């Protein structure tokens, strides 16, 4: 965020009326960070669920192979 503030300040060093734009950009930056964290958490949940589903499918395949071998 500091880099963003420095870049904006260097665009217009006089700072004439850019404080509102800076505030808006800071709000957007924070919102982007929250969304990134939300998506990261969602990805972790989906990873866990897909891992669980994979284990279930492997177990079902193993059971089916066992039944087929006995038949």
C-alpha atoms as a PDB file:
ATOM      1  CA  UNK A   1       0.000   0.000   0.000  1.00  0.00           C
ATOM      2  CA  UNK A   2       2.892   2.356   0.696  1.00  0.00           C
ATOM      3  CA  UNK A   3       4.124   1.894  -2.868  1.00  0.00           C
ATOM      4  CA  UNK A   4       0.677   2.821  -4.148  1.00  0.00           C
ATOM      5  CA  UNK A   5       0.652   5.996  -2.048  1.00  0.00           C
ATOM      6  CA  UNK A   6       4.143   6.918  -3.262  1.00  0.00           C
ATOM      7  CA  UNK A   7       3.176   6.379  -6.896  1.00  0.00           C
ATOM      8  CA  UNK A   8       0.064   8.503  -6.548  1.00  0.00           C
ATOM      9  CA  UNK A   9       1.981  11.239  -4.755  1.00  0.00           C
ATOM     10  CA  UNK A  10       4.603  11.282  -7.488  1.00  0.00           C
ATOM     11  CA  UNK A  11       1.953  11.728 -10.179  1.00  0.00           C
ATOM     12  CA  UNK A  12       0.833  15.062  -8.771  1.00  0.00           C
ATOM     13  CA  UNK A  13       3.272  16.303  -6.137  1.00  0.00           C
ATOM     14  CA  UNK A  14       1.238  19.443  -5.506  1.00  0.00           C
ATOM     15  CA  UNK A  15      -1.578  17.260  -4.163  1.00  0.00           C
ATOM     16  CA  UNK A  16      -4.269  19.547  -5.547  1.00  0.00           C
ATOM     17  CA  UNK A  17      -7.547  17.741  -5.019  1.00  0.00           C
ATOM     18  CA  UNK A  18      -6.005  14.283  -5.142  1.00  0.00           C
ATOM     19  CA  UNK A  19      -6.729  13.480  -1.507  1.00  0.00           C
ATOM     20  CA  UNK A  20     -10.206  12.248  -2.434  1.00  0.00           C
ATOM     21  CA  UNK A  21      -8.764  10.085  -5.213  1.00  0.00           C
ATOM     22  CA  UNK A  22      -6.138   8.744  -2.815  1.00  0.00           C
ATOM     23  CA  UNK A  23      -8.833   7.881  -0.270  1.00  0.00           C
ATOM     24  CA  UNK A  24     -10.845   6.085  -2.941  1.00  0.00           C
ATOM     25  CA  UNK A  25      -7.806   4.124  -4.069  1.00  0.00           C
ATOM     26  CA  UNK A  26      -7.019   3.149  -0.489  1.00  0.00           C
ATOM     27  CA  UNK A  27     -10.584   1.896  -0.064  1.00  0.00           C
ATOM     28  CA  UNK A  28     -10.306  -0.118  -3.276  1.00  0.00           C
ATOM     29  CA  UNK A  29      -6.939  -1.503  -2.172  1.00  0.00           C
ATOM     30  CA  UNK A  30      -8.382  -2.661   1.157  1.00  0.00           C
ATOM     31  CA  UNK A  31     -11.418  -4.168  -0.584  1.00  0.00           C
ATOM     32  CA  UNK A  32      -9.116  -6.034  -2.961  1.00  0.00           C
ATOM     33  CA  UNK A  33      -7.184  -7.405   0.010  1.00  0.00           C
ATOM     34  CA  UNK A  34     -10.379  -8.595   1.695  1.00  0.00           C
ATOM     35  CA  UNK A  35     -11.569 -10.248  -1.521  1.00  0.00           C
ATOM     36  CA  UNK A  36      -8.203 -11.935  -1.945  1.00  0.00           C
ATOM     37  CA  UNK A  37      -8.401 -13.320   1.586  1.00  0.00           C
ATOM     38  CA  UNK A  38     -11.985 -14.478   1.000  1.00  0.00           C
ATOM     39  CA  UNK A  39     -11.022 -16.283  -2.206  1.00  0.00           C
ATOM     40  CA  UNK A  40      -7.966 -17.821  -0.543  1.00  0.00           C
ATOM     41  CA  UNK A  41     -10.148 -19.202   2.255  1.00  0.00           C
ATOM     42  CA  UNK A  42     -12.663 -20.515  -0.271  1.00  0.00           C
ATOM     43  CA  UNK A  43      -9.861 -22.213  -2.199  1.00  0.00           C
ATOM     44  CA  UNK A  44      -8.622 -23.933   0.977  1.00  0.00           C
ATOM     45  CA  UNK A  45     -12.130 -25.223   1.714  1.00  0.00           C
ATOM     46  CA  UNK A  46     -12.500 -26.537  -1.834  1.00  0.00           C
ATOM     47  CA  UNK A  47      -9.086 -28.208  -1.642  1.00  0.00           C
ATOM     48  CA  UNK A  48     -10.178 -30.025   1.495  1.00  0.00           C
ATOM     49  CA  UNK A  49     -13.475 -31.078  -0.036  1.00  0.00           C
ATOM     50  CA  UNK A  50     -11.890 -32.314  -3.248  1.00  0.00           C
ATOM     51  CA  UNK A  51      -9.283 -34.255  -1.279  1.00  0.00           C
ATOM     52  CA  UNK A  52     -12.033 -35.911   0.732  1.00  0.00           C
ATOM     53  CA  UNK A  53     -13.967 -36.764  -2.434  1.00  0.00           C
ATOM     54  CA  UNK A  54     -10.822 -38.230  -4.000  1.00  0.00           C
ATOM     55  CA  UNK A  55     -10.231 -40.457  -0.962  1.00  0.00           C
ATOM     56  CA  UNK A  56     -13.854 -41.660  -1.108  1.00  0.00           C
ATOM     57  CA  UNK A  57     -13.581 -42.463  -4.814  1.00  0.00           C
ATOM     58  CA  UNK A  58     -10.304 -44.330  -4.308  1.00  0.00           C
ATOM     59  CA  UNK A  59     -11.915 -46.343  -1.529  1.00  0.00           C
ATOM     60  CA  UNK A  60     -14.932 -47.147  -3.701  1.00  0.00           C
ATOM     61  CA  UNK A  61     -12.622 -48.222  -6.530  1.00  0.00           C
ATOM     62  CA  UNK A  62     -10.671 -50.444  -4.155  1.00  0.00           C
ATOM     63  CA  UNK A  63     -13.882 -52.062  -2.874  1.00  0.00           C
ATOM     64  CA  UNK A  64     -15.130 -52.608  -6.438  1.00  0.00           C
ATOM     65  CA  UNK A  65     -11.814 -54.178  -7.488  1.00  0.00           C
ATOM     66  CA  UNK A  66     -11.972 -56.468  -4.448  1.00  0.00           C
ATOM     67  CA  UNK A  67     -15.491 -57.594  -5.325  1.00  0.00           C
ATOM     68  CA  UNK A  68     -14.519 -58.128  -8.963  1.00  0.00           C
ATOM     69  CA  UNK A  69     -11.452 -60.199  -7.946  1.00  0.00           C
ATOM     70  CA  UNK A  70     -13.595 -62.424  -5.734  1.00  0.00           C
ATOM     71  CA  UNK A  71     -16.215 -63.017  -8.414  1.00  0.00           C
END
